[in-house]
Amino acid sequence: MKNNDPQLSKLAELVKKLSVVHGKVTLASGKESNFYVDMRRATLHHEAAPLIGHVMIDLLEENGFPISEIDAVGGLTMGADPVAAAMLHAAASRGLELDAFVVRKEAKDHGMKRQIEGPDVSGKRVVVLEDTSTTGGSPLQAAEALQAAGAEIVAVAVVVDRATGAKEKIEAAGFPYFAALHLEDLGLA
């Protein structure tokens, strides 16, 4: 974490306070851990959510992905949804245009039968989001659906990286990977 970024420092403090749960848990990957990072406690929090939007925009821009060159952000529902909404609002507050989308695990079998909800992503430059990443499976599942819909995936960005292989798996799939916070930022490493 950059020590001179007050928004990132405040976000780390809030995530530690709101989202880090100590105790033995089984993760979605099937692995066991003695802590859990329940990011919805932060991504849906009145103070943390706006910070997440700004921090994630800054993260992308600092890594050579200016929001002016990205059409939309989102990922697999449900972890990515509040992150995308926070970024959409943060961008608007800066006078920038940024749409959001939601990727369902499977296409609906009724109505429009869409797997990706929101503005059309065909031909658009998009960033796949996740609140916290363990194996990288959710962002990669979203990326597959987005590519099938004709989107150009420019990067994958997560709020918290658990340092359990997601970065390596996503980069091996050919996508740049960025995380705002790491375990050491949360006092977990």
C-alpha atoms as a PDB file:
ATOM      1  CA  MET A   1       0.000   0.000   0.000  1.00  0.00           C
ATOM      2  CA  LYS A   2       1.174   3.480  -0.771  1.00  0.00           C
ATOM      3  CA  ASN A   3       1.710   5.116   2.598  1.00  0.00           C
ATOM      4  CA  ASN A   4       0.986   8.598   1.267  1.00  0.00           C
ATOM      5  CA  ASP A   5      -2.534   7.836   0.012  1.00  0.00           C
ATOM      6  CA  PRO A   6      -4.990   8.871   2.754  1.00  0.00           C
ATOM      7  CA  GLN A   7      -7.990   7.311   0.955  1.00  0.00           C
ATOM      8  CA  LEU A   8      -6.251   3.952   0.644  1.00  0.00           C
ATOM      9  CA  SER A   9      -5.105   4.082   4.279  1.00  0.00           C
ATOM     10  CA  LYS A  10      -8.631   4.911   5.447  1.00  0.00           C
ATOM     11  CA  LEU A  11     -10.056   2.110   3.308  1.00  0.00           C
ATOM     12  CA  ALA A  12      -7.590  -0.394   4.789  1.00  0.00           C
ATOM     13  CA  GLU A  13      -8.617   0.730   8.278  1.00  0.00           C
ATOM     14  CA  LEU A  14     -12.317   0.329   7.450  1.00  0.00           C
ATOM     15  CA  VAL A  15     -11.864  -3.081   5.823  1.00  0.00           C
ATOM     16  CA  LYS A  16      -9.915  -4.293   8.884  1.00  0.00           C
ATOM     17  CA  LYS A  17     -12.651  -3.017  11.192  1.00  0.00           C
ATOM     18  CA  LEU A  18     -15.711  -4.022   9.154  1.00  0.00           C
ATOM     19  CA  SER A  19     -14.751  -7.022   7.046  1.00  0.00           C
ATOM     20  CA  VAL A  20     -12.042  -9.116   8.683  1.00  0.00           C
ATOM     21  CA  VAL A  21     -13.561 -11.953  10.674  1.00  0.00           C
ATOM     22  CA  HIS A  22     -11.213 -14.174  12.692  1.00  0.00           C
ATOM     23  CA  GLY A  23     -11.960 -17.860  13.194  1.00  0.00           C
ATOM     24  CA  LYS A  24     -11.785 -21.053  11.167  1.00  0.00           C
ATOM     25  CA  VAL A  25     -13.755 -20.881   7.898  1.00  0.00           C
ATOM     26  CA  THR A  26     -14.004 -22.870   4.679  1.00  0.00           C
ATOM     27  CA  LEU A  27     -13.591 -20.632   1.644  1.00  0.00           C
ATOM     28  CA  ALA A  28     -15.489 -20.959  -1.647  1.00  0.00           C
ATOM     29  CA  SER A  29     -12.353 -22.639  -3.000  1.00  0.00           C
ATOM     30  CA  GLY A  30     -12.736 -25.396  -0.404  1.00  0.00           C
ATOM     31  CA  LYS A  31      -9.579 -24.266   1.379  1.00  0.00           C
ATOM     32  CA  GLU A  32      -9.637 -23.621   5.104  1.00  0.00           C
ATOM     33  CA  SER A  33      -8.503 -20.341   6.622  1.00  0.00           C
ATOM     34  CA  ASN A  34      -8.363 -18.874  10.112  1.00  0.00           C
ATOM     35  CA  PHE A  35      -9.831 -15.591   8.866  1.00  0.00           C
ATOM     36  CA  TYR A  36     -12.454 -14.461   6.409  1.00  0.00           C
ATOM     37  CA  VAL A  37     -12.658 -11.158   4.574  1.00  0.00           C
ATOM     38  CA  ASP A  38     -16.392 -10.465   4.252  1.00  0.00           C
ATOM     39  CA  MET A  39     -16.106  -7.572   1.832  1.00  0.00           C
ATOM     40  CA  ARG A  40     -19.853  -6.962   1.558  1.00  0.00           C
ATOM     41  CA  ARG A  41     -19.576  -5.506   5.051  1.00  0.00           C
ATOM     42  CA  ALA A  42     -17.378  -2.800   3.478  1.00  0.00           C
ATOM     43  CA  THR A  43     -18.681  -2.553  -0.092  1.00  0.00           C
ATOM     44  CA  LEU A  44     -22.196  -1.866   1.234  1.00  0.00           C
ATOM     45  CA  HIS A  45     -21.089   0.482   4.043  1.00  0.00           C
ATOM     46  CA  HIS A  46     -21.878   4.203   3.857  1.00  0.00           C
ATOM     47  CA  GLU A  47     -18.273   5.315   4.417  1.00  0.00           C
ATOM     48  CA  ALA A  48     -16.282   2.478   2.851  1.00  0.00           C
ATOM     49  CA  ALA A  49     -18.234   2.144  -0.425  1.00  0.00           C
ATOM     50  CA  PRO A  50     -17.488   5.666  -1.726  1.00  0.00           C
ATOM     51  CA  LEU A  51     -13.826   5.178  -0.804  1.00  0.00           C
ATOM     52  CA  ILE A  52     -13.774   1.887  -2.703  1.00  0.00           C
ATOM     53  CA  GLY A  53     -15.025   3.639  -5.826  1.00  0.00           C
ATOM     54  CA  HIS A  54     -12.325   6.295  -5.705  1.00  0.00           C
ATOM     55  CA  VAL A  55      -9.535   3.914  -4.673  1.00  0.00           C
ATOM     56  CA  MET A  56     -10.351   1.516  -7.512  1.00  0.00           C
ATOM     57  CA  ILE A  57     -10.416   4.316 -10.092  1.00  0.00           C
ATOM     58  CA  ASP A  58      -7.065   5.570  -8.778  1.00  0.00           C
ATOM     59  CA  LEU A  59      -5.660   2.018  -8.868  1.00  0.00           C
ATOM     60  CA  LEU A  60      -6.516   1.615 -12.539  1.00  0.00           C
ATOM     61  CA  GLU A  61      -5.297   5.068 -13.511  1.00  0.00           C
ATOM     62  CA  GLU A  62      -1.997   4.650 -11.645  1.00  0.00           C
ATOM     63  CA  ASN A  63      -1.440   1.410 -13.552  1.00  0.00           C
ATOM     64  CA  GLY A  64      -1.951   2.962 -16.982  1.00  0.00           C
ATOM     65  CA  PHE A  65      -5.688   2.375 -17.421  1.00  0.00           C
ATOM     66  CA  PRO A  66      -7.335   5.823 -17.382  1.00  0.00           C
ATOM     67  CA  ILE A  67     -11.088   5.745 -16.839  1.00  0.00           C
ATOM     68  CA  SER A  68     -11.504   7.878 -19.974  1.00  0.00           C
ATOM     69  CA  GLU A  69     -10.353   4.805 -21.932  1.00  0.00           C
ATOM     70  CA  ILE A  70     -12.620   2.307 -20.130  1.00  0.00           C
ATOM     71  CA  ASP A  71     -16.273   2.002 -21.071  1.00  0.00           C
ATOM     72  CA  ALA A  72     -17.618  -0.136 -18.234  1.00  0.00           C
ATOM     73  CA  VAL A  73     -16.755  -2.105 -15.110  1.00  0.00           C
ATOM     74  CA  GLY A  74     -18.368  -5.069 -13.402  1.00  0.00           C
ATOM     75  CA  GLY A  75     -18.062  -8.739 -12.754  1.00  0.00           C
ATOM     76  CA  LEU A  76     -19.735 -11.858 -11.517  1.00  0.00           C
ATOM     77  CA  THR A  77     -22.680 -11.107  -9.274  1.00  0.00           C
ATOM     78  CA  MET A  78     -22.603 -10.595  -6.242  1.00  0.00           C
ATOM     79  CA  GLY A  79     -19.147  -9.612  -5.079  1.00  0.00           C
ATOM     80  CA  ALA A  80     -18.453  -7.284  -7.989  1.00  0.00           C
ATOM     81  CA  ASP A  81     -21.834  -5.513  -8.024  1.00  0.00           C
ATOM     82  CA  PRO A  82     -21.313  -2.962  -5.225  1.00  0.00           C
ATOM     83  CA  VAL A  83     -17.716  -2.337  -6.356  1.00  0.00           C
ATOM     84  CA  ALA A  84     -18.931  -1.509  -9.874  1.00  0.00           C
ATOM     85  CA  ALA A  85     -21.679   0.752  -8.510  1.00  0.00           C
ATOM     86  CA  ALA A  86     -19.178   2.552  -6.267  1.00  0.00           C
ATOM     87  CA  MET A  87     -16.861   3.134  -9.224  1.00  0.00           C
ATOM     88  CA  LEU A  88     -19.715   4.364 -11.431  1.00  0.00           C
ATOM     89  CA  HIS A  89     -20.642   6.955  -8.802  1.00  0.00           C
ATOM     90  CA  ALA A  90     -17.032   7.940  -8.075  1.00  0.00           C
ATOM     91  CA  ALA A  91     -16.413   8.468 -11.797  1.00  0.00           C
ATOM     92  CA  ALA A  92     -19.550  10.606 -12.116  1.00  0.00           C
ATOM     93  CA  SER A  93     -18.407  12.729  -9.160  1.00  0.00           C
ATOM     94  CA  ARG A  94     -15.188  13.402 -11.123  1.00  0.00           C
ATOM     95  CA  GLY A  95     -17.076  14.306 -14.285  1.00  0.00           C
ATOM     96  CA  LEU A  96     -16.123  11.029 -15.974  1.00  0.00           C
ATOM     97  CA  GLU A  97     -18.350   8.626 -17.875  1.00  0.00           C
ATOM     98  CA  LEU A  98     -18.217   5.025 -16.709  1.00  0.00           C
ATOM     99  CA  ASP A  99     -20.955   2.420 -17.020  1.00  0.00           C
ATOM    100  CA  ALA A 100     -21.376  -0.680 -14.887  1.00  0.00           C
ATOM    101  CA  PHE A 101     -22.620  -4.182 -15.688  1.00  0.00           C
ATOM    102  CA  VAL A 102     -23.537  -7.350 -13.824  1.00  0.00           C
ATOM    103  CA  VAL A 103     -22.561 -10.827 -15.010  1.00  0.00           C
ATOM    104  CA  ARG A 104     -24.946 -13.571 -13.947  1.00  0.00           C
ATOM    105  CA  LYS A 105     -23.551 -17.035 -13.266  1.00  0.00           C
ATOM    106  CA  GLU A 106     -25.851 -18.313 -16.017  1.00  0.00           C
ATOM    107  CA  ALA A 107     -28.044 -16.606 -18.601  1.00  0.00           C
ATOM    108  CA  LYS A 108     -31.659 -16.166 -17.552  1.00  0.00           C
ATOM    109  CA  ASP A 109     -34.038 -18.672 -19.085  1.00  0.00           C
ATOM    110  CA  HIS A 110     -36.804 -16.087 -19.478  1.00  0.00           C
ATOM    111  CA  GLY A 111     -37.255 -12.434 -20.456  1.00  0.00           C
ATOM    112  CA  MET A 112     -34.280 -11.193 -22.462  1.00  0.00           C
ATOM    113  CA  LYS A 113     -32.304 -14.333 -21.521  1.00  0.00           C
ATOM    114  CA  ARG A 114     -29.227 -12.247 -20.820  1.00  0.00           C
ATOM    115  CA  GLN A 115     -26.186 -13.277 -18.851  1.00  0.00           C
ATOM    116  CA  ILE A 116     -24.803  -9.727 -18.744  1.00  0.00           C
ATOM    117  CA  GLU A 117     -27.122  -7.025 -17.426  1.00  0.00           C
ATOM    118  CA  GLY A 118     -26.688  -3.312 -17.992  1.00  0.00           C
ATOM    119  CA  PRO A 119     -25.486  -1.421 -21.060  1.00  0.00           C
ATOM    120  CA  ASP A 120     -24.387  -3.548 -24.041  1.00  0.00           C
ATOM    121  CA  VAL A 121     -20.718  -4.534 -23.675  1.00  0.00           C
ATOM    122  CA  SER A 122     -20.136  -5.653 -27.271  1.00  0.00           C
ATOM    123  CA  GLY A 123     -17.105  -3.796 -28.640  1.00  0.00           C
ATOM    124  CA  LYS A 124     -16.559  -2.042 -25.293  1.00  0.00           C
ATOM    125  CA  ARG A 125     -13.359  -1.850 -23.240  1.00  0.00           C
ATOM    126  CA  VAL A 126     -14.169  -3.277 -19.823  1.00  0.00           C
ATOM    127  CA  VAL A 127     -12.513  -4.038 -16.499  1.00  0.00           C
ATOM    128  CA  VAL A 128     -13.588  -7.143 -14.584  1.00  0.00           C
ATOM    129  CA  LEU A 129     -14.001  -6.495 -10.855  1.00  0.00           C
ATOM    130  CA  GLU A 130     -14.205  -8.569  -7.696  1.00  0.00           C
ATOM    131  CA  ASP A 131     -14.402  -7.573  -4.049  1.00  0.00           C
ATOM    132  CA  THR A 132     -11.914 -10.164  -2.829  1.00  0.00           C
ATOM    133  CA  SER A 133     -10.173 -12.851  -4.809  1.00  0.00           C
ATOM    134  CA  THR A 134      -8.996 -16.255  -3.632  1.00  0.00           C
ATOM    135  CA  THR A 135      -8.634 -18.520  -6.664  1.00  0.00           C
ATOM    136  CA  GLY A 136      -9.528 -16.087  -9.453  1.00  0.00           C
ATOM    137  CA  GLY A 137     -12.415 -18.284 -10.545  1.00  0.00           C
ATOM    138  CA  SER A 138     -15.140 -15.631 -10.356  1.00  0.00           C
ATOM    139  CA  PRO A 139     -13.288 -12.983 -12.393  1.00  0.00           C
ATOM    140  CA  LEU A 140     -12.317 -15.596 -14.976  1.00  0.00           C
ATOM    141  CA  GLN A 141     -15.914 -16.844 -15.237  1.00  0.00           C
ATOM    142  CA  ALA A 142     -17.049 -13.243 -15.775  1.00  0.00           C
ATOM    143  CA  ALA A 143     -14.271 -12.677 -18.335  1.00  0.00           C
ATOM    144  CA  GLU A 144     -15.381 -15.722 -20.316  1.00  0.00           C
ATOM    145  CA  ALA A 145     -18.982 -14.447 -20.484  1.00  0.00           C
ATOM    146  CA  LEU A 146     -17.813 -10.942 -21.407  1.00  0.00           C
ATOM    147  CA  GLN A 147     -15.580 -12.198 -24.199  1.00  0.00           C
ATOM    148  CA  ALA A 148     -18.477 -14.286 -25.540  1.00  0.00           C
ATOM    149  CA  ALA A 149     -20.561 -11.075 -25.553  1.00  0.00           C
ATOM    150  CA  GLY A 150     -17.872  -9.274 -27.579  1.00  0.00           C
ATOM    151  CA  ALA A 151     -16.276  -7.163 -24.837  1.00  0.00           C
ATOM    152  CA  GLU A 152     -12.567  -6.352 -24.773  1.00  0.00           C
ATOM    153  CA  ILE A 153     -11.230  -7.062 -21.277  1.00  0.00           C
ATOM    154  CA  VAL A 154      -8.423  -4.651 -20.491  1.00  0.00           C
ATOM    155  CA  ALA A 155      -7.770  -5.698 -16.869  1.00  0.00           C
ATOM    156  CA  VAL A 156      -9.022  -7.437 -13.743  1.00  0.00           C
ATOM    157  CA  ALA A 157      -9.100  -5.416 -10.521  1.00  0.00           C
ATOM    158  CA  VAL A 158      -9.976  -6.521  -6.990  1.00  0.00           C
ATOM    159  CA  VAL A 159     -10.304  -4.620  -3.745  1.00  0.00           C
ATOM    160  CA  VAL A 160      -8.552  -7.275  -1.608  1.00  0.00           C
ATOM    161  CA  ASP A 161      -6.184  -9.983  -2.848  1.00  0.00           C
ATOM    162  CA  ARG A 162      -5.859 -12.954  -0.470  1.00  0.00           C
ATOM    163  CA  ALA A 163      -2.495 -14.007  -1.961  1.00  0.00           C
ATOM    164  CA  THR A 164      -3.783 -17.512  -2.694  1.00  0.00           C
ATOM    165  CA  GLY A 165      -3.107 -17.770  -6.414  1.00  0.00           C
ATOM    166  CA  ALA A 166      -5.746 -15.554  -8.042  1.00  0.00           C
ATOM    167  CA  LYS A 167      -3.184 -13.089  -9.411  1.00  0.00           C
ATOM    168  CA  GLU A 168      -1.108 -15.815 -11.005  1.00  0.00           C
ATOM    169  CA  LYS A 169      -4.131 -17.617 -12.471  1.00  0.00           C
ATOM    170  CA  ILE A 170      -5.623 -14.422 -13.931  1.00  0.00           C
ATOM    171  CA  GLU A 171      -2.308 -13.232 -15.357  1.00  0.00           C
ATOM    172  CA  ALA A 172      -1.752 -16.709 -16.864  1.00  0.00           C
ATOM    173  CA  ALA A 173      -5.098 -16.248 -18.643  1.00  0.00           C
ATOM    174  CA  GLY A 174      -3.619 -13.110 -20.225  1.00  0.00           C
ATOM    175  CA  PHE A 175      -5.192 -10.347 -18.156  1.00  0.00           C
ATOM    176  CA  PRO A 176      -3.379  -7.624 -16.188  1.00  0.00           C
ATOM    177  CA  TYR A 177      -4.324  -8.002 -12.497  1.00  0.00           C
ATOM    178  CA  PHE A 178      -4.433  -5.282  -9.865  1.00  0.00           C
ATOM    179  CA  ALA A 179      -5.412  -5.262  -6.196  1.00  0.00           C
ATOM    180  CA  ALA A 180      -5.959  -2.211  -4.017  1.00  0.00           C
ATOM    181  CA  LEU A 181      -5.273  -3.994  -0.734  1.00  0.00           C
ATOM    182  CA  HIS A 182      -3.187  -7.003   0.228  1.00  0.00           C
ATOM    183  CA  LEU A 183      -3.161  -9.146   3.369  1.00  0.00           C
ATOM    184  CA  GLU A 184      -0.305  -7.167   4.892  1.00  0.00           C
ATOM    185  CA  ASP A 185      -2.390  -3.963   4.546  1.00  0.00           C
ATOM    186  CA  LEU A 186      -5.013  -5.649   6.738  1.00  0.00           C
ATOM    187  CA  GLY A 187      -2.602  -7.031   9.325  1.00  0.00           C
ATOM    188  CA  LEU A 188      -3.184 -10.591   8.078  1.00  0.00           C
ATOM    189  CA  ALA A 189       0.271 -11.462   6.728  1.00  0.00           C
END
